[in-house]
PDB file of N, CA and C in Angstrom:
ATOM      1  N   MET A   1       0.820  -1.195   0.000  1.00  0.00           N
ATOM      2  CA  MET A   1       0.000   0.000   0.000  1.00  0.00           C
ATOM      3  C   MET A   1       0.865   1.260   0.000  1.00  0.00           C
ATOM      4  N   PHE A   2       1.925   1.255   0.820  1.00  0.00           N
ATOM      5  CA  PHE A   2       2.747   2.452   0.905  1.00  0.00           C
ATOM      6  C   PHE A   2       3.438   2.759  -0.413  1.00  0.00           C
ATOM      7  N   SER A   3       3.858   1.731  -1.135  1.00  0.00           N
ATOM      8  CA  SER A   3       4.507   1.991  -2.419  1.00  0.00           C
ATOM      9  C   SER A   3       3.510   2.564  -3.418  1.00  0.00           C
ATOM     10  N   MET A   4       2.228   2.198  -3.275  1.00  0.00           N
ATOM     11  CA  MET A   4       1.195   2.779  -4.138  1.00  0.00           C
ATOM     12  C   MET A   4       1.085   4.274  -3.910  1.00  0.00           C
ATOM     13  N   ILE A   5       1.126   4.682  -2.649  1.00  0.00           N
ATOM     14  CA  ILE A   5       1.039   6.106  -2.321  1.00  0.00           C
ATOM     15  C   ILE A   5       2.234   6.845  -2.900  1.00  0.00           C
ATOM     16  N   GLU A   6       3.421   6.268  -2.743  1.00  0.00           N
ATOM     17  CA  GLU A   6       4.625   6.897  -3.287  1.00  0.00           C
ATOM     18  C   GLU A   6       4.540   6.992  -4.808  1.00  0.00           C
ATOM     19  N   ASP A   7       4.036   5.941  -5.454  1.00  0.00           N
ATOM     20  CA  ASP A   7       3.863   5.971  -6.910  1.00  0.00           C
ATOM     21  C   ASP A   7       2.873   7.056  -7.324  1.00  0.00           C
ATOM     22  N   ASP A   8       1.804   7.230  -6.535  1.00  0.00           N
ATOM     23  CA  ASP A   8       0.829   8.284  -6.831  1.00  0.00           C
ATOM     24  C   ASP A   8       1.476   9.663  -6.769  1.00  0.00           C
ATOM     25  N   PHE A   9       2.283   9.902  -5.723  1.00  0.00           N
ATOM     26  CA  PHE A   9       2.991  11.178  -5.624  1.00  0.00           C
ATOM     27  C   PHE A   9       3.865  11.395  -6.855  1.00  0.00           C
ATOM     28  N   ASP A  10       4.617  10.379  -7.222  1.00  0.00           N
ATOM     29  CA  ASP A  10       5.508  10.497  -8.378  1.00  0.00           C
ATOM     30  C   ASP A  10       4.723  10.777  -9.657  1.00  0.00           C
ATOM     31  N   GLN A  11       3.573  10.121  -9.809  1.00  0.00           N
ATOM     32  CA  GLN A  11       2.751  10.318 -10.997  1.00  0.00           C
ATOM     33  C   GLN A  11       2.199  11.744 -11.059  1.00  0.00           C
ATOM     34  N   TYR A  12       1.696  12.250  -9.939  1.00  0.00           N
ATOM     35  CA  TYR A  12       1.190  13.629  -9.905  1.00  0.00           C
ATOM     36  C   TYR A  12       2.294  14.617 -10.268  1.00  0.00           C
ATOM     37  N   ILE A  13       3.466  14.421  -9.705  1.00  0.00           N
ATOM     38  CA  ILE A  13       4.590  15.320  -9.968  1.00  0.00           C
ATOM     39  C   ILE A  13       4.990  15.249 -11.435  1.00  0.00           C
ATOM     40  N   LYS A  14       5.020  14.053 -11.980  1.00  0.00           N
ATOM     41  CA  LYS A  14       5.377  13.880 -13.394  1.00  0.00           C
ATOM     42  C   LYS A  14       4.379  14.619 -14.294  1.00  0.00           C
ATOM     43  N   GLU A  15       3.098  14.450 -14.006  1.00  0.00           N
ATOM     44  CA  GLU A  15       2.071  15.119 -14.808  1.00  0.00           C
ATOM     45  C   GLU A  15       2.187  16.636 -14.706  1.00  0.00           C
ATOM     46  N   LEU A  16       2.461  17.136 -13.524  1.00  0.00           N
ATOM     47  CA  LEU A  16       2.624  18.583 -13.368  1.00  0.00           C
ATOM     48  C   LEU A  16       3.836  19.083 -14.136  1.00  0.00           C
ATOM     49  N   ASN A  17       4.914  18.315 -14.136  1.00  0.00           N
ATOM     50  CA  ASN A  17       6.102  18.699 -14.898  1.00  0.00           C
ATOM     51  C   ASN A  17       5.800  18.771 -16.387  1.00  0.00           C
ATOM     52  N   GLU A  18       4.993  17.838 -16.874  1.00  0.00           N
ATOM     53  CA  GLU A  18       4.659  17.805 -18.298  1.00  0.00           C
ATOM     54  C   GLU A  18       3.772  18.987 -18.686  1.00  0.00           C
ATOM     55  N   LYS A  19       2.876  19.383 -17.810  1.00  0.00           N
ATOM     56  CA  LYS A  19       1.920  20.445 -18.136  1.00  0.00           C
ATOM     57  C   LYS A  19       2.487  21.830 -17.887  1.00  0.00           C
ATOM     58  N   LYS A  20       3.091  22.030 -16.730  1.00  0.00           N
ATOM     59  CA  LYS A  20       3.703  23.321 -16.356  1.00  0.00           C
ATOM     60  C   LYS A  20       2.940  24.511 -16.924  1.00  0.00           C
ATOM     61  N   SER A  21       1.664  24.561 -16.647  1.00  0.00           N
ATOM     62  CA  SER A  21       0.831  25.593 -17.252  1.00  0.00           C
ATOM     63  C   SER A  21       0.758  26.884 -16.451  1.00  0.00           C
ATOM     64  N   SER A  22       1.068  26.830 -15.168  1.00  0.00           N
ATOM     65  CA  SER A  22       0.915  28.055 -14.388  1.00  0.00           C
ATOM     66  C   SER A  22       1.765  28.023 -13.133  1.00  0.00           C
ATOM     67  N   ASP A  23       1.804  29.174 -12.482  1.00  0.00           N
ATOM     68  CA  ASP A  23       2.491  29.296 -11.200  1.00  0.00           C
ATOM     69  C   ASP A  23       1.831  28.390 -10.170  1.00  0.00           C
ATOM     70  N   PHE A  24       0.509  28.244 -10.282  1.00  0.00           N
ATOM     71  CA  PHE A  24      -0.218  27.384  -9.353  1.00  0.00           C
ATOM     72  C   PHE A  24       0.296  25.958  -9.423  1.00  0.00           C
ATOM     73  N   SER A  25       0.532  25.444 -10.614  1.00  0.00           N
ATOM     74  CA  SER A  25       0.994  24.060 -10.721  1.00  0.00           C
ATOM     75  C   SER A  25       2.377  23.895 -10.098  1.00  0.00           C
ATOM     76  N   GLU A  26       3.222  24.918 -10.205  1.00  0.00           N
ATOM     77  CA  GLU A  26       4.543  24.849  -9.572  1.00  0.00           C
ATOM     78  C   GLU A  26       4.401  24.827  -8.052  1.00  0.00           C
ATOM     79  N   LYS A  27       3.510  25.656  -7.535  1.00  0.00           N
ATOM     80  CA  LYS A  27       3.279  25.672  -6.085  1.00  0.00           C
ATOM     81  C   LYS A  27       2.685  24.350  -5.621  1.00  0.00           C
ATOM     82  N   PHE A  28       1.766  23.817  -6.411  1.00  0.00           N
ATOM     83  CA  PHE A  28       1.162  22.536  -6.062  1.00  0.00           C
ATOM     84  C   PHE A  28       2.201  21.420  -6.108  1.00  0.00           C
ATOM     85  N   GLN A  29       3.087  21.478  -7.082  1.00  0.00           N
ATOM     86  CA  GLN A  29       4.161  20.493  -7.185  1.00  0.00           C
ATOM     87  C   GLN A  29       5.059  20.568  -5.949  1.00  0.00           C
ATOM     88  N   ASN A  30       5.395  21.767  -5.526  1.00  0.00           N
ATOM     89  CA  ASN A  30       6.211  21.932  -4.322  1.00  0.00           C
ATOM     90  C   ASN A  30       5.496  21.366  -3.093  1.00  0.00           C
ATOM     91  N   LEU A  31       4.194  21.583  -3.035  1.00  0.00           N
ATOM     92  CA  LEU A  31       3.411  21.037  -1.931  1.00  0.00           C
ATOM     93  C   LEU A  31       3.438  19.509  -1.955  1.00  0.00           C
ATOM     94  N   LEU A  32       3.266  18.920  -3.127  1.00  0.00           N
ATOM     95  CA  LEU A  32       3.320  17.464  -3.239  1.00  0.00           C
ATOM     96  C   LEU A  32       4.678  16.915  -2.824  1.00  0.00           C
ATOM     97  N   LEU A  33       5.740  17.588  -3.224  1.00  0.00           N
ATOM     98  CA  LEU A  33       7.082  17.143  -2.836  1.00  0.00           C
ATOM     99  C   LEU A  33       7.255  17.203  -1.321  1.00  0.00           C
ATOM    100  N   PHE A  34       6.762  18.264  -0.710  1.00  0.00           N
ATOM    101  CA  PHE A  34       6.834  18.405   0.744  1.00  0.00           C
ATOM    102  C   PHE A  34       6.060  17.283   1.436  1.00  0.00           C
ATOM    103  N   ILE A  35       4.848  17.026   0.961  1.00  0.00           N
ATOM    104  CA  ILE A  35       4.021  15.973   1.552  1.00  0.00           C
ATOM    105  C   ILE A  35       4.686  14.614   1.382  1.00  0.00           C
ATOM    106  N   LYS A  36       5.261  14.368   0.212  1.00  0.00           N
ATOM    107  CA  LYS A  36       5.942  13.094  -0.028  1.00  0.00           C
ATOM    108  C   LYS A  36       7.118  12.924   0.932  1.00  0.00           C
ATOM    109  N   GLU A  37       7.901  13.976   1.134  1.00  0.00           N
ATOM    110  CA  GLU A  37       9.037  13.901   2.056  1.00  0.00           C
ATOM    111  C   GLU A  37       8.562  13.601   3.475  1.00  0.00           C
ATOM    112  N   LYS A  38       7.500  14.267   3.910  1.00  0.00           N
ATOM    113  CA  LYS A  38       6.966  14.029   5.255  1.00  0.00           C
ATOM    114  C   LYS A  38       6.429  12.608   5.381  1.00  0.00           C
ATOM    115  N   TYR A  39       5.753  12.146   4.344  1.00  0.00           N
ATOM    116  CA  TYR A  39       5.236  10.777   4.335  1.00  0.00           C
ATOM    117  C   TYR A  39       6.381   9.776   4.477  1.00  0.00           C
ATOM    118  N   LEU A  40       7.466   9.978   3.730  1.00  0.00           N
ATOM    119  CA  LEU A  40       8.603   9.062   3.800  1.00  0.00           C
ATOM    120  C   LEU A  40       9.272   9.108   5.172  1.00  0.00           C
ATOM    121  N   GLU A  41       9.350  10.290   5.772  1.00  0.00           N
ATOM    122  CA  GLU A  41       9.900  10.401   7.131  1.00  0.00           C
ATOM    123  C   GLU A  41       9.033   9.633   8.123  1.00  0.00           C
ATOM    124  N   ASP A  42       7.713   9.804   8.019  1.00  0.00           N
ATOM    125  CA  ASP A  42       6.797   9.103   8.921  1.00  0.00           C
ATOM    126  C   ASP A  42       6.873   7.594   8.716  1.00  0.00           C
ATOM    127  N   LEU A  43       6.992   7.161   7.472  1.00  0.00           N
ATOM    128  CA  LEU A  43       7.105   5.741   7.171  1.00  0.00           C
ATOM    129  C   LEU A  43       8.372   5.163   7.793  1.00  0.00           C
ATOM    130  N   LYS A  44       9.466   5.891   7.697  1.00  0.00           N
ATOM    131  CA  LYS A  44      10.730   5.442   8.285  1.00  0.00           C
ATOM    132  C   LYS A  44      10.591   5.306   9.803  1.00  0.00           C
ATOM    133  N   ILE A  45       9.978   6.297  10.434  1.00  0.00           N
ATOM    134  CA  ILE A  45       9.774   6.254  11.884  1.00  0.00           C
ATOM    135  C   ILE A  45       8.888   5.067  12.257  1.00  0.00           C
ATOM    136  N   SER A  46       7.820   4.851  11.498  1.00  0.00           N
ATOM    137  CA  SER A  46       6.924   3.726  11.772  1.00  0.00           C
ATOM    138  C   SER A  46       7.661   2.400  11.655  1.00  0.00           C
ATOM    139  N   ASN A  47       8.469   2.259  10.619  1.00  0.00           N
ATOM    140  CA  ASN A  47       9.224   1.022  10.428  1.00  0.00           C
ATOM    141  C   ASN A  47      10.222   0.806  11.555  1.00  0.00           C
ATOM    142  N   GLU A  48      10.851   1.884  12.021  1.00  0.00           N
ATOM    143  CA  GLU A  48      11.792   1.770  13.138  1.00  0.00           C
ATOM    144  C   GLU A  48      11.065   1.341  14.407  1.00  0.00           C
ATOM    145  N   ASN A  49       9.877   1.903  14.638  1.00  0.00           N
ATOM    146  CA  ASN A  49       9.095   1.544  15.824  1.00  0.00           C
ATOM    147  C   ASN A  49       8.634   0.093  15.769  1.00  0.00           C
ATOM    148  N   ILE A  50       8.247  -0.368  14.598  1.00  0.00           N
ATOM    149  CA  ILE A  50       7.829  -1.760  14.439  1.00  0.00           C
ATOM    150  C   ILE A  50       9.012  -2.686  14.710  1.00  0.00           C
ATOM    151  N   GLY A  51      10.188  -2.309  14.229  1.00  0.00           N
ATOM    152  CA  GLY A  51      11.390  -3.102  14.468  1.00  0.00           C
ATOM    153  C   GLY A  51      11.726  -3.193  15.941  1.00  0.00           C
ATOM    154  N   LYS A  52      11.544  -2.092  16.661  1.00  0.00           N
ATOM    155  CA  LYS A  52      11.808  -2.084  18.109  1.00  0.00           C
ATOM    156  C   LYS A  52      10.818  -2.985  18.849  1.00  0.00           C
ATOM    157  N   GLU A  53       9.549  -2.963  18.417  1.00  0.00           N
ATOM    158  CA  GLU A  53       8.533  -3.793  19.063  1.00  0.00           C
ATOM    159  C   GLU A  53       8.836  -5.270  18.863  1.00  0.00           C
ATOM    160  N   LYS A  54       9.314  -5.636  17.675  1.00  0.00           N
ATOM    161  CA  LYS A  54       9.621  -7.036  17.391  1.00  0.00           C
ATOM    162  C   LYS A  54      10.810  -7.516  18.215  1.00  0.00           C
ATOM    163  N   LYS A  55      11.783  -6.625  18.457  1.00  0.00           N
ATOM    164  CA  LYS A  55      12.967  -6.993  19.237  1.00  0.00           C
ATOM    165  C   LYS A  55      12.644  -7.091  20.720  1.00  0.00           C
ATOM    166  N   GLY A  56      11.821  -6.173  21.200  1.00  0.00           N
ATOM    167  CA  GLY A  56      11.597  -6.056  22.632  1.00  0.00           C
ATOM    168  C   GLY A  56      10.367  -6.716  23.073  1.00  0.00           C
TER     169      GLY A  56
END
């Protein structure tokens, strides 16, 4: 499921790059990149927490 979300982010960004029709799309692209980075950080933290639970 998580890889699907990451693929969706990549697809949205790719489409925005192809269209580049306005300043709004650039701002939206920046927002998507920010959200993707935060999502990946949260995923990493979740995976680390799951690993700790399995060990302890």
